mmCIF file of all heavy atoms, coordinates in Angstrom:
data_MODEL
# 
_entry.id   MODEL 
# 
loop_
_atom_site.group_PDB 
_atom_site.id 
_atom_site.type_symbol 
_atom_site.label_atom_id 
_atom_site.label_alt_id 
_atom_site.label_comp_id 
_atom_site.label_asym_id 
_atom_site.label_entity_id 
_atom_site.label_seq_id 
_atom_site.pdbx_PDB_ins_code 
_atom_site.Cartn_x 
_atom_site.Cartn_y 
_atom_site.Cartn_z 
_atom_site.occupancy 
_atom_site.B_iso_or_equiv 
_atom_site.pdbx_formal_charge 
_atom_site.auth_seq_id 
_atom_site.auth_comp_id 
_atom_site.auth_asym_id 
_atom_site.auth_atom_id 
_atom_site.pdbx_PDB_model_num 
ATOM 1   N N   . THR A 1 1  ? 5.578   -9.055  -4.033  1.00 0.00 ? 1  THR A N   1 
ATOM 2   C CA  . THR A 1 1  ? 5.783   -7.718  -3.497  1.00 0.00 ? 1  THR A CA  1 
ATOM 3   C C   . THR A 1 1  ? 4.786   -6.791  -4.161  1.00 0.00 ? 1  THR A C   1 
ATOM 4   O O   . THR A 1 1  ? 4.489   -6.938  -5.340  1.00 0.00 ? 1  THR A O   1 
ATOM 5   C CB  . THR A 1 1  ? 7.220   -7.232  -3.808  1.00 0.00 ? 1  THR A CB  1 
ATOM 6   O OG1 . THR A 1 1  ? 8.143   -8.146  -3.215  1.00 0.00 ? 1  THR A OG1 1 
ATOM 7   C CG2 . THR A 1 1  ? 7.468   -5.850  -3.261  1.00 0.00 ? 1  THR A CG2 1 
ATOM 8   N N   . ALA A 1 2  ? 4.280   -5.840  -3.400  1.00 0.00 ? 2  ALA A N   1 
ATOM 9   C CA  . ALA A 1 2  ? 3.373   -4.845  -3.943  1.00 0.00 ? 2  ALA A CA  1 
ATOM 10  C C   . ALA A 1 2  ? 3.929   -3.463  -3.650  1.00 0.00 ? 2  ALA A C   1 
ATOM 11  O O   . ALA A 1 2  ? 4.402   -3.198  -2.544  1.00 0.00 ? 2  ALA A O   1 
ATOM 12  C CB  . ALA A 1 2  ? 1.988   -4.987  -3.335  1.00 0.00 ? 2  ALA A CB  1 
ATOM 13  N N   . ILE A 1 3  ? 3.912   -2.593  -4.650  1.00 0.00 ? 3  ILE A N   1 
ATOM 14  C CA  . ILE A 1 3  ? 4.315   -1.205  -4.464  1.00 0.00 ? 3  ILE A CA  1 
ATOM 15  C C   . ILE A 1 3  ? 3.054   -0.440  -4.072  1.00 0.00 ? 3  ILE A C   1 
ATOM 16  O O   . ILE A 1 3  ? 2.078   -0.423  -4.817  1.00 0.00 ? 3  ILE A O   1 
ATOM 17  C CB  . ILE A 1 3  ? 4.920   -0.615  -5.757  1.00 0.00 ? 3  ILE A CB  1 
ATOM 18  C CG1 . ILE A 1 3  ? 6.060   -1.501  -6.280  1.00 0.00 ? 3  ILE A CG1 1 
ATOM 19  C CG2 . ILE A 1 3  ? 5.379   0.818   -5.534  1.00 0.00 ? 3  ILE A CG2 1 
ATOM 20  C CD1 . ILE A 1 3  ? 7.210   -1.698  -5.328  1.00 0.00 ? 3  ILE A CD1 1 
ATOM 21  N N   . VAL A 1 4  ? 3.089   0.164   -2.883  1.00 0.00 ? 4  VAL A N   1 
ATOM 22  C CA  . VAL A 1 4  ? 1.908   0.867   -2.375  1.00 0.00 ? 4  VAL A CA  1 
ATOM 23  C C   . VAL A 1 4  ? 2.034   2.365   -2.636  1.00 0.00 ? 4  VAL A C   1 
ATOM 24  O O   . VAL A 1 4  ? 3.139   2.886   -2.769  1.00 0.00 ? 4  VAL A O   1 
ATOM 25  C CB  . VAL A 1 4  ? 1.678   0.596   -0.873  1.00 0.00 ? 4  VAL A CB  1 
ATOM 26  C CG1 . VAL A 1 4  ? 1.444   -0.886  -0.625  1.00 0.00 ? 4  VAL A CG1 1 
ATOM 27  C CG2 . VAL A 1 4  ? 2.819   1.103   -0.039  1.00 0.00 ? 4  VAL A CG2 1 
ATOM 28  N N   . PRO A 1 5  ? 0.913   3.063   -2.708  1.00 0.00 ? 5  PRO A N   1 
ATOM 29  C CA  . PRO A 1 5  ? 0.946   4.504   -2.960  1.00 0.00 ? 5  PRO A CA  1 
ATOM 30  C C   . PRO A 1 5  ? 1.670   5.268   -1.848  1.00 0.00 ? 5  PRO A C   1 
ATOM 31  O O   . PRO A 1 5  ? 1.684   4.844   -0.688  1.00 0.00 ? 5  PRO A O   1 
ATOM 32  C CB  . PRO A 1 5  ? -0.530  4.900   -2.985  1.00 0.00 ? 5  PRO A CB  1 
ATOM 33  C CG  . PRO A 1 5  ? -1.279  3.648   -3.244  1.00 0.00 ? 5  PRO A CG  1 
ATOM 34  C CD  . PRO A 1 5  ? -0.459  2.552   -2.644  1.00 0.00 ? 5  PRO A CD  1 
ATOM 35  N N   . ASP A 1 6  ? 2.249   6.384   -2.220  1.00 0.00 ? 6  ASP A N   1 
ATOM 36  C CA  . ASP A 1 6  ? 2.949   7.234   -1.262  1.00 0.00 ? 6  ASP A CA  1 
ATOM 37  C C   . ASP A 1 6  ? 2.030   7.637   -0.116  1.00 0.00 ? 6  ASP A C   1 
ATOM 38  O O   . ASP A 1 6  ? 2.450   7.686   1.043   1.00 0.00 ? 6  ASP A O   1 
ATOM 39  C CB  . ASP A 1 6  ? 3.477   8.499   -1.949  1.00 0.00 ? 6  ASP A CB  1 
ATOM 40  C CG  . ASP A 1 6  ? 4.450   8.192   -3.078  1.00 0.00 ? 6  ASP A CG  1 
ATOM 41  O OD1 . ASP A 1 6  ? 5.060   7.105   -3.059  1.00 0.00 ? 6  ASP A OD1 1 
ATOM 42  O OD2 . ASP A 1 6  ? 4.587   9.037   -3.971  1.00 0.00 ? 6  ASP A OD2 1 
ATOM 43  N N   . GLN A 1 7  ? 0.775   7.918   -0.420  1.00 0.00 ? 7  GLN A N   1 
ATOM 44  C CA  . GLN A 1 7  ? -0.184  8.360   0.587   1.00 0.00 ? 7  GLN A CA  1 
ATOM 45  C C   . GLN A 1 7  ? -0.389  7.286   1.661   1.00 0.00 ? 7  GLN A C   1 
ATOM 46  O O   . GLN A 1 7  ? -0.543  7.602   2.838   1.00 0.00 ? 7  GLN A O   1 
ATOM 47  C CB  . GLN A 1 7  ? -1.536  8.702   -0.060  1.00 0.00 ? 7  GLN A CB  1 
ATOM 48  C CG  . GLN A 1 7  ? -1.492  9.881   -1.000  1.00 0.00 ? 7  GLN A CG  1 
ATOM 49  C CD  . GLN A 1 7  ? -1.016  9.532   -2.413  1.00 0.00 ? 7  GLN A CD  1 
ATOM 50  O OE1 . GLN A 1 7  ? -0.504  8.452   -2.680  1.00 0.00 ? 7  GLN A OE1 1 
ATOM 51  N NE2 . GLN A 1 7  ? -1.176  10.469  -3.325  1.00 0.00 ? 7  GLN A NE2 1 
ATOM 52  N N   . VAL A 1 8  ? -0.373  6.032   1.282   1.00 0.00 ? 8  VAL A N   1 
ATOM 53  C CA  . VAL A 1 8  ? -0.555  4.931   2.232   1.00 0.00 ? 8  VAL A CA  1 
ATOM 54  C C   . VAL A 1 8  ? 0.712   4.735   3.053   1.00 0.00 ? 8  VAL A C   1 
ATOM 55  O O   . VAL A 1 8  ? 0.655   4.556   4.271   1.00 0.00 ? 8  VAL A O   1 
ATOM 56  C CB  . VAL A 1 8  ? -0.929  3.626   1.496   1.00 0.00 ? 8  VAL A CB  1 
ATOM 57  C CG1 . VAL A 1 8  ? -1.006  2.454   2.459   1.00 0.00 ? 8  VAL A CG1 1 
ATOM 58  C CG2 . VAL A 1 8  ? -2.244  3.798   0.755   1.00 0.00 ? 8  VAL A CG2 1 
ATOM 59  N N   . ALA A 1 9  ? 1.866   4.788   2.402   1.00 0.00 ? 9  ALA A N   1 
ATOM 60  C CA  . ALA A 1 9  ? 3.138   4.611   3.109   1.00 0.00 ? 9  ALA A CA  1 
ATOM 61  C C   . ALA A 1 9  ? 3.327   5.669   4.189   1.00 0.00 ? 9  ALA A C   1 
ATOM 62  O O   . ALA A 1 9  ? 3.874   5.385   5.256   1.00 0.00 ? 9  ALA A O   1 
ATOM 63  C CB  . ALA A 1 9  ? 4.298   4.653   2.115   1.00 0.00 ? 9  ALA A CB  1 
ATOM 64  N N   . GLU A 1 10 ? 2.840   6.867   3.946   1.00 0.00 ? 10 GLU A N   1 
ATOM 65  C CA  . GLU A 1 10 ? 3.013   7.963   4.900   1.00 0.00 ? 10 GLU A CA  1 
ATOM 66  C C   . GLU A 1 10 ? 2.047   7.870   6.081   1.00 0.00 ? 10 GLU A C   1 
ATOM 67  O O   . GLU A 1 10 ? 2.317   8.439   7.139   1.00 0.00 ? 10 GLU A O   1 
ATOM 68  C CB  . GLU A 1 10 ? 2.821   9.303   4.185   1.00 0.00 ? 10 GLU A CB  1 
ATOM 69  C CG  . GLU A 1 10 ? 3.928   9.593   3.197   1.00 0.00 ? 10 GLU A CG  1 
ATOM 70  C CD  . GLU A 1 10 ? 3.594   10.743  2.248   1.00 0.00 ? 10 GLU A CD  1 
ATOM 71  O OE1 . GLU A 1 10 ? 2.513   11.352  2.377   1.00 0.00 ? 10 GLU A OE1 1 
ATOM 72  O OE2 . GLU A 1 10 ? 4.427   11.018  1.371   1.00 0.00 ? 10 GLU A OE2 1 
ATOM 73  N N   . ASP A 1 11 ? 0.928   7.180   5.939   1.00 0.00 ? 11 ASP A N   1 
ATOM 74  C CA  . ASP A 1 11 ? -0.066  7.095   7.006   1.00 0.00 ? 11 ASP A CA  1 
ATOM 75  C C   . ASP A 1 11 ? -0.589  5.663   7.136   1.00 0.00 ? 11 ASP A C   1 
ATOM 76  O O   . ASP A 1 11 ? -1.769  5.393   6.967   1.00 0.00 ? 11 ASP A O   1 
ATOM 77  C CB  . ASP A 1 11 ? -1.223  8.064   6.730   1.00 0.00 ? 11 ASP A CB  1 
ATOM 78  C CG  . ASP A 1 11 ? -2.231  8.104   7.866   1.00 0.00 ? 11 ASP A CG  1 
ATOM 79  O OD1 . ASP A 1 11 ? -1.876  7.726   9.008   1.00 0.00 ? 11 ASP A OD1 1 
ATOM 80  O OD2 . ASP A 1 11 ? -3.390  8.495   7.612   1.00 0.00 ? 11 ASP A OD2 1 
ATOM 81  N N   . GLN A 1 12 ? 0.305   4.734   7.458   1.00 0.00 ? 12 GLN A N   1 
ATOM 82  C CA  . GLN A 1 12 ? -0.072  3.324   7.534   1.00 0.00 ? 12 GLN A CA  1 
ATOM 83  C C   . GLN A 1 12 ? -1.126  3.066   8.608   1.00 0.00 ? 12 GLN A C   1 
ATOM 84  O O   . GLN A 1 12 ? -2.066  2.312   8.389   1.00 0.00 ? 12 GLN A O   1 
ATOM 85  C CB  . GLN A 1 12 ? 1.165   2.471   7.807   1.00 0.00 ? 12 GLN A CB  1 
ATOM 86  C CG  . GLN A 1 12 ? 2.156   2.501   6.671   1.00 0.00 ? 12 GLN A CG  1 
ATOM 87  C CD  . GLN A 1 12 ? 3.421   1.732   6.978   1.00 0.00 ? 12 GLN A CD  1 
ATOM 88  O OE1 . GLN A 1 12 ? 3.387   0.725   7.674   1.00 0.00 ? 12 GLN A OE1 1 
ATOM 89  N NE2 . GLN A 1 12 ? 4.551   2.211   6.472   1.00 0.00 ? 12 GLN A NE2 1 
ATOM 90  N N   . ARG A 1 13 ? -0.998  3.696   9.753   1.00 0.00 ? 13 ARG A N   1 
ATOM 91  C CA  . ARG A 1 13 ? -1.976  3.498   10.832  1.00 0.00 ? 13 ARG A CA  1 
ATOM 92  C C   . ARG A 1 13 ? -3.367  3.961   10.407  1.00 0.00 ? 13 ARG A C   1 
ATOM 93  O O   . ARG A 1 13 ? -4.363  3.303   10.668  1.00 0.00 ? 13 ARG A O   1 
ATOM 94  C CB  . ARG A 1 13 ? -1.550  4.234   12.091  1.00 0.00 ? 13 ARG A CB  1 
ATOM 95  C CG  . ARG A 1 13 ? -0.443  3.541   12.823  1.00 0.00 ? 13 ARG A CG  1 
ATOM 96  C CD  . ARG A 1 13 ? -0.056  4.304   14.071  1.00 0.00 ? 13 ARG A CD  1 
ATOM 97  N NE  . ARG A 1 13 ? 1.094   3.669   14.684  1.00 0.00 ? 13 ARG A NE  1 
ATOM 98  C CZ  . ARG A 1 13 ? 1.134   3.312   15.950  1.00 0.00 ? 13 ARG A CZ  1 
ATOM 99  N NH1 . ARG A 1 13 ? 0.119   3.539   16.732  1.00 0.00 ? 13 ARG A NH1 1 
ATOM 100 N NH2 . ARG A 1 13 ? 2.210   2.735   16.420  1.00 0.00 ? 13 ARG A NH2 1 
ATOM 101 N N   . GLY A 1 14 ? -3.424  5.115   9.782   1.00 0.00 ? 14 GLY A N   1 
ATOM 102 C CA  . GLY A 1 14 ? -4.714  5.649   9.337   1.00 0.00 ? 14 GLY A CA  1 
ATOM 103 C C   . GLY A 1 14 ? -5.403  4.724   8.360   1.00 0.00 ? 14 GLY A C   1 
ATOM 104 O O   . GLY A 1 14 ? -6.613  4.489   8.445   1.00 0.00 ? 14 GLY A O   1 
ATOM 105 N N   . TRP A 1 15 ? -4.644  4.169   7.422   1.00 0.00 ? 15 TRP A N   1 
ATOM 106 C CA  . TRP A 1 15 ? -5.220  3.258   6.430   1.00 0.00 ? 15 TRP A CA  1 
ATOM 107 C C   . TRP A 1 15 ? -5.610  1.932   7.060   1.00 0.00 ? 15 TRP A C   1 
ATOM 108 O O   . TRP A 1 15 ? -6.602  1.321   6.686   1.00 0.00 ? 15 TRP A O   1 
ATOM 109 C CB  . TRP A 1 15 ? -4.246  3.050   5.270   1.00 0.00 ? 15 TRP A CB  1 
ATOM 110 C CG  . TRP A 1 15 ? -4.240  4.215   4.340   1.00 0.00 ? 15 TRP A CG  1 
ATOM 111 C CD1 . TRP A 1 15 ? -3.464  5.337   4.427   1.00 0.00 ? 15 TRP A CD1 1 
ATOM 112 C CD2 . TRP A 1 15 ? -5.085  4.407   3.206   1.00 0.00 ? 15 TRP A CD2 1 
ATOM 113 N NE1 . TRP A 1 15 ? -3.777  6.201   3.412   1.00 0.00 ? 15 TRP A NE1 1 
ATOM 114 C CE2 . TRP A 1 15 ? -4.766  5.655   2.646   1.00 0.00 ? 15 TRP A CE2 1 
ATOM 115 C CE3 . TRP A 1 15 ? -6.084  3.644   2.610   1.00 0.00 ? 15 TRP A CE3 1 
ATOM 116 C CZ2 . TRP A 1 15 ? -5.403  6.149   1.518   1.00 0.00 ? 15 TRP A CZ2 1 
ATOM 117 C CZ3 . TRP A 1 15 ? -6.711  4.132   1.482   1.00 0.00 ? 15 TRP A CZ3 1 
ATOM 118 C CH2 . TRP A 1 15 ? -6.370  5.373   0.953   1.00 0.00 ? 15 TRP A CH2 1 
ATOM 119 N N   . ASP A 1 16 ? -4.829  1.462   8.035   1.00 0.00 ? 16 ASP A N   1 
ATOM 120 C CA  . ASP A 1 16 ? -5.172  0.210   8.707   1.00 0.00 ? 16 ASP A CA  1 
ATOM 121 C C   . ASP A 1 16 ? -6.448  0.382   9.522   1.00 0.00 ? 16 ASP A C   1 
ATOM 122 O O   . ASP A 1 16 ? -7.339  -0.463  9.479   1.00 0.00 ? 16 ASP A O   1 
ATOM 123 C CB  . ASP A 1 16 ? -4.020  -0.233  9.610   1.00 0.00 ? 16 ASP A CB  1 
ATOM 124 C CG  . ASP A 1 16 ? -4.276  -1.580  10.252  1.00 0.00 ? 16 ASP A CG  1 
ATOM 125 O OD1 . ASP A 1 16 ? -4.671  -2.517  9.532   1.00 0.00 ? 16 ASP A OD1 1 
ATOM 126 O OD2 . ASP A 1 16 ? -4.087  -1.696  11.476  1.00 0.00 ? 16 ASP A OD2 1 
ATOM 127 N N   . GLU A 1 17 ? -6.558  1.483   10.246  1.00 0.00 ? 17 GLU A N   1 
ATOM 128 C CA  . GLU A 1 17 ? -7.736  1.724   11.084  1.00 0.00 ? 17 GLU A CA  1 
ATOM 129 C C   . GLU A 1 17 ? -9.001  1.931   10.247  1.00 0.00 ? 17 GLU A C   1 
ATOM 130 O O   . GLU A 1 17 ? -10.079 1.510   10.639  1.00 0.00 ? 17 GLU A O   1 
ATOM 131 C CB  . GLU A 1 17 ? -7.492  2.924   11.990  1.00 0.00 ? 17 GLU A CB  1 
ATOM 132 C CG  . GLU A 1 17 ? -6.458  2.644   13.064  1.00 0.00 ? 17 GLU A CG  1 
ATOM 133 C CD  . GLU A 1 17 ? -6.008  3.879   13.815  1.00 0.00 ? 17 GLU A CD  1 
ATOM 134 O OE1 . GLU A 1 17 ? -6.481  4.992   13.501  1.00 0.00 ? 17 GLU A OE1 1 
ATOM 135 O OE2 . GLU A 1 17 ? -5.160  3.735   14.707  1.00 0.00 ? 17 GLU A OE2 1 
ATOM 136 N N   . SER A 1 18 ? -8.860  2.570   9.094   1.00 0.00 ? 18 SER A N   1 
ATOM 137 C CA  . SER A 1 18 ? -10.034 2.830   8.255   1.00 0.00 ? 18 SER A CA  1 
ATOM 138 C C   . SER A 1 18 ? -10.504 1.580   7.525   1.00 0.00 ? 18 SER A C   1 
ATOM 139 O O   . SER A 1 18 ? -11.686 1.461   7.185   1.00 0.00 ? 18 SER A O   1 
ATOM 140 C CB  . SER A 1 18 ? -9.731  3.925   7.228   1.00 0.00 ? 18 SER A CB  1 
ATOM 141 O OG  . SER A 1 18 ? -8.891  3.427   6.193   1.00 0.00 ? 18 SER A OG  1 
ATOM 142 N N   . GLY A 1 19 ? -9.590  0.650   7.250   1.00 0.00 ? 19 GLY A N   1 
ATOM 143 C CA  . GLY A 1 19 ? -9.948  -0.560  6.516   1.00 0.00 ? 19 GLY A CA  1 
ATOM 144 C C   . GLY A 1 19 ? -10.201 -0.321  5.037   1.00 0.00 ? 19 GLY A C   1 
ATOM 145 O O   . GLY A 1 19 ? -10.665 -1.207  4.327   1.00 0.00 ? 19 GLY A O   1 
ATOM 146 N N   . LYS A 1 20 ? -9.893  0.877   4.558   1.00 0.00 ? 20 LYS A N   1 
ATOM 147 C CA  . LYS A 1 20 ? -10.120 1.201   3.142   1.00 0.00 ? 20 LYS A CA  1 
ATOM 148 C C   . LYS A 1 20 ? -9.125  0.467   2.254   1.00 0.00 ? 20 LYS A C   1 
ATOM 149 O O   . LYS A 1 20 ? -7.973  0.252   2.621   1.00 0.00 ? 20 LYS A O   1 
ATOM 150 C CB  . LYS A 1 20 ? -9.971  2.704   2.912   1.00 0.00 ? 20 LYS A CB  1 
ATOM 151 C CG  . LYS A 1 20 ? -11.064 3.526   3.542   1.00 0.00 ? 20 LYS A CG  1 
ATOM 152 C CD  . LYS A 1 20 ? -10.857 4.984   3.220   1.00 0.00 ? 20 LYS A CD  1 
ATOM 153 C CE  . LYS A 1 20 ? -11.930 5.850   3.850   1.00 0.00 ? 20 LYS A CE  1 
ATOM 154 N NZ  . LYS A 1 20 ? -11.690 7.269   3.583   1.00 0.00 ? 20 LYS A NZ  1 
ATOM 155 N N   . SER A 1 21 ? -9.589  0.123   1.065   1.00 0.00 ? 21 SER A N   1 
ATOM 156 C CA  . SER A 1 21 ? -8.699  -0.518  0.093   1.00 0.00 ? 21 SER A CA  1 
ATOM 157 C C   . SER A 1 21 ? -8.127  0.533   -0.844  1.00 0.00 ? 21 SER A C   1 
ATOM 158 O O   . SER A 1 21 ? -8.637  1.649   -0.935  1.00 0.00 ? 21 SER A O   1 
ATOM 159 C CB  . SER A 1 21 ? -9.453  -1.584  -0.703  1.00 0.00 ? 21 SER A CB  1 
ATOM 160 O OG  . SER A 1 21 ? -10.452 -0.997  -1.496  1.00 0.00 ? 21 SER A OG  1 
ATOM 161 N N   . PHE A 1 22 ? -7.064  0.158   -1.531  1.00 0.00 ? 22 PHE A N   1 
ATOM 162 C CA  . PHE A 1 22 ? -6.374  1.064   -2.444  1.00 0.00 ? 22 PHE A CA  1 
ATOM 163 C C   . PHE A 1 22 ? -5.672  0.242   -3.525  1.00 0.00 ? 22 PHE A C   1 
ATOM 164 O O   . PHE A 1 22 ? -5.421  -0.950  -3.334  1.00 0.00 ? 22 PHE A O   1 
ATOM 165 C CB  . PHE A 1 22 ? -5.360  1.934   -1.679  1.00 0.00 ? 22 PHE A CB  1 
ATOM 166 C CG  . PHE A 1 22 ? -4.413  1.142   -0.821  1.00 0.00 ? 22 PHE A CG  1 
ATOM 167 C CD1 . PHE A 1 22 ? -3.208  0.673   -1.331  1.00 0.00 ? 22 PHE A CD1 1 
ATOM 168 C CD2 . PHE A 1 22 ? -4.734  0.847   0.497   1.00 0.00 ? 22 PHE A CD2 1 
ATOM 169 C CE1 . PHE A 1 22 ? -2.350  -0.063  -0.546  1.00 0.00 ? 22 PHE A CE1 1 
ATOM 170 C CE2 . PHE A 1 22 ? -3.878  0.111   1.299   1.00 0.00 ? 22 PHE A CE2 1 
ATOM 171 C CZ  . PHE A 1 22 ? -2.680  -0.343  0.776   1.00 0.00 ? 22 PHE A CZ  1 
ATOM 172 N N   . PRO A 1 23 ? -5.338  0.858   -4.659  1.00 0.00 ? 23 PRO A N   1 
ATOM 173 C CA  . PRO A 1 23 ? -4.638  0.126   -5.712  1.00 0.00 ? 23 PRO A CA  1 
ATOM 174 C C   . PRO A 1 23 ? -3.141  0.041   -5.418  1.00 0.00 ? 23 PRO A C   1 
ATOM 175 O O   . PRO A 1 23 ? -2.539  1.000   -4.955  1.00 0.00 ? 23 PRO A O   1 
ATOM 176 C CB  . PRO A 1 23 ? -4.896  0.960   -6.962  1.00 0.00 ? 23 PRO A CB  1 
ATOM 177 C CG  . PRO A 1 23 ? -5.104  2.342   -6.452  1.00 0.00 ? 23 PRO A CG  1 
ATOM 178 C CD  . PRO A 1 23 ? -5.723  2.201   -5.092  1.00 0.00 ? 23 PRO A CD  1 
ATOM 179 N N   . ALA A 1 24 ? -2.573  -1.117  -5.657  1.00 0.00 ? 24 ALA A N   1 
ATOM 180 C CA  . ALA A 1 24 ? -1.133  -1.319  -5.513  1.00 0.00 ? 24 ALA A CA  1 
ATOM 181 C C   . ALA A 1 24 ? -0.619  -1.955  -6.803  1.00 0.00 ? 24 ALA A C   1 
ATOM 182 O O   . ALA A 1 24 ? -1.390  -2.546  -7.563  1.00 0.00 ? 24 ALA A O   1 
ATOM 183 C CB  . ALA A 1 24 ? -0.829  -2.216  -4.324  1.00 0.00 ? 24 ALA A CB  1 
ATOM 184 N N   . ILE A 1 25 ? 0.660   -1.835  -7.037  1.00 0.00 ? 25 ILE A N   1 
ATOM 185 C CA  . ILE A 1 25 ? 1.281   -2.428  -8.224  1.00 0.00 ? 25 ILE A CA  1 
ATOM 186 C C   . ILE A 1 25 ? 1.976   -3.707  -7.792  1.00 0.00 ? 25 ILE A C   1 
ATOM 187 O O   . ILE A 1 25 ? 2.878   -3.677  -6.952  1.00 0.00 ? 25 ILE A O   1 
ATOM 188 C CB  . ILE A 1 25 ? 2.281   -1.453  -8.872  1.00 0.00 ? 25 ILE A CB  1 
ATOM 189 C CG1 . ILE A 1 25 ? 1.555   -0.167  -9.262  1.00 0.00 ? 25 ILE A CG1 1 
ATOM 190 C CG2 . ILE A 1 25 ? 2.951   -2.106  -10.071 1.00 0.00 ? 25 ILE A CG2 1 
ATOM 191 C CD1 . ILE A 1 25 ? 2.479   0.958   -9.663  1.00 0.00 ? 25 ILE A CD1 1 
ATOM 192 N N   . ARG A 1 26 ? 1.542   -4.823  -8.338  1.00 0.00 ? 26 ARG A N   1 
ATOM 193 C CA  . ARG A 1 26 ? 2.086   -6.124  -7.960  1.00 0.00 ? 26 ARG A CA  1 
ATOM 194 C C   . ARG A 1 26 ? 3.341   -6.427  -8.762  1.00 0.00 ? 26 ARG A C   1 
ATOM 195 O O   . ARG A 1 26 ? 3.390   -6.239  -9.972  1.00 0.00 ? 26 ARG A O   1 
ATOM 196 C CB  . ARG A 1 26 ? 1.044   -7.198  -8.210  1.00 0.00 ? 26 ARG A CB  1 
ATOM 197 C CG  . ARG A 1 26 ? 1.480   -8.556  -7.782  1.00 0.00 ? 26 ARG A CG  1 
ATOM 198 C CD  . ARG A 1 26 ? 0.377   -9.538  -8.021  1.00 0.00 ? 26 ARG A CD  1 
ATOM 199 N NE  . ARG A 1 26 ? 0.874   -10.880 -7.769  1.00 0.00 ? 26 ARG A NE  1 
ATOM 200 C CZ  . ARG A 1 26 ? 0.106   -11.922 -7.589  1.00 0.00 ? 26 ARG A CZ  1 
ATOM 201 N NH1 . ARG A 1 26 ? -1.197  -11.782 -7.645  1.00 0.00 ? 26 ARG A NH1 1 
ATOM 202 N NH2 . ARG A 1 26 ? 0.620   -13.094 -7.361  1.00 0.00 ? 26 ARG A NH2 1 
ATOM 203 N N   . ALA A 1 27 ? 4.355   -6.923  -8.060  1.00 0.00 ? 27 ALA A N   1 
ATOM 204 C CA  . ALA A 1 27 ? 5.607   -7.300  -8.705  1.00 0.00 ? 27 ALA A CA  1 
ATOM 205 C C   . ALA A 1 27 ? 6.052   -8.644  -8.149  1.00 0.00 ? 27 ALA A C   1 
ATOM 206 O O   . ALA A 1 27 ? 5.656   -9.031  -7.056  1.00 0.00 ? 27 ALA A O   1 
ATOM 207 C CB  . ALA A 1 27 ? 6.683   -6.254  -8.449  1.00 0.00 ? 27 ALA A CB  1 
ATOM 208 N N   . GLY A 1 28 ? 6.884   -9.349  -8.887  1.00 0.00 ? 28 GLY A N   1 
ATOM 209 C CA  . GLY A 1 28 ? 7.420   -10.623 -8.433  1.00 0.00 ? 28 GLY A CA  1 
ATOM 210 C C   . GLY A 1 28 ? 8.806   -10.414 -7.851  1.00 0.00 ? 28 GLY A C   1 
ATOM 211 O O   . GLY A 1 28 ? 9.117   -9.359  -7.306  1.00 0.00 ? 28 GLY A O   1 
ATOM 212 N N   . ALA A 1 29 ? 9.647   -11.402 -7.997  1.00 0.00 ? 29 ALA A N   1 
ATOM 213 C CA  . ALA A 1 29 ? 11.011  -11.321 -7.472  1.00 0.00 ? 29 ALA A CA  1 
ATOM 214 C C   . ALA A 1 29 ? 11.792  -10.197 -8.148  1.00 0.00 ? 29 ALA A C   1 
ATOM 215 O O   . ALA A 1 29 ? 11.696  -10.000 -9.354  1.00 0.00 ? 29 ALA A O   1 
ATOM 216 C CB  . ALA A 1 29 ? 11.725  -12.648 -7.687  1.00 0.00 ? 29 ALA A CB  1 
ATOM 217 N N   . PHE A 1 30 ? 12.498  -9.457  -7.379  1.00 0.00 ? 30 PHE A N   1 
ATOM 218 C CA  . PHE A 1 30 ? 13.343  -8.362  -7.855  1.00 0.00 ? 30 PHE A CA  1 
ATOM 219 C C   . PHE A 1 30 ? 12.566  -7.311  -8.635  1.00 0.00 ? 30 PHE A C   1 
ATOM 220 O O   . PHE A 1 30 ? 13.075  -6.652  -9.520  1.00 0.00 ? 30 PHE A O   1 
ATOM 221 C CB  . PHE A 1 30 ? 14.508  -8.888  -8.710  1.00 0.00 ? 30 PHE A CB  1 
ATOM 222 C CG  . PHE A 1 30 ? 15.278  -9.972  -8.042  1.00 0.00 ? 30 PHE A CG  1 
ATOM 223 C CD1 . PHE A 1 30 ? 15.195  -11.278 -8.479  1.00 0.00 ? 30 PHE A CD1 1 
ATOM 224 C CD2 . PHE A 1 30 ? 16.065  -9.695  -6.935  1.00 0.00 ? 30 PHE A CD2 1 
ATOM 225 C CE1 . PHE A 1 30 ? 15.898  -12.293 -7.839  1.00 0.00 ? 30 PHE A CE1 1 
ATOM 226 C CE2 . PHE A 1 30 ? 16.762  -10.698 -6.288  1.00 0.00 ? 30 PHE A CE2 1 
ATOM 227 C CZ  . PHE A 1 30 ? 16.684  -12.011 -6.743  1.00 0.00 ? 30 PHE A CZ  1 
ATOM 228 N N   . GLY A 1 31 ? 11.283  -7.152  -8.317  1.00 0.00 ? 31 GLY A N   1 
ATOM 229 C CA  . GLY A 1 31 ? 10.469  -6.127  -8.947  1.00 0.00 ? 31 GLY A CA  1 
ATOM 230 C C   . GLY A 1 31 ? 9.956   -6.460  -10.327 1.00 0.00 ? 31 GLY A C   1 
ATOM 231 O O   . GLY A 1 31 ? 9.324   -5.641  -10.969 1.00 0.00 ? 31 GLY A O   1 
# 
């Protein structure tokens, strides 16, 4: 599981269309 930034969660289509990468926080089972 990855925790994504608030900015990405709010505009998923925009980030998908742009193809830009961003930092996420990686977690395993149960965070």
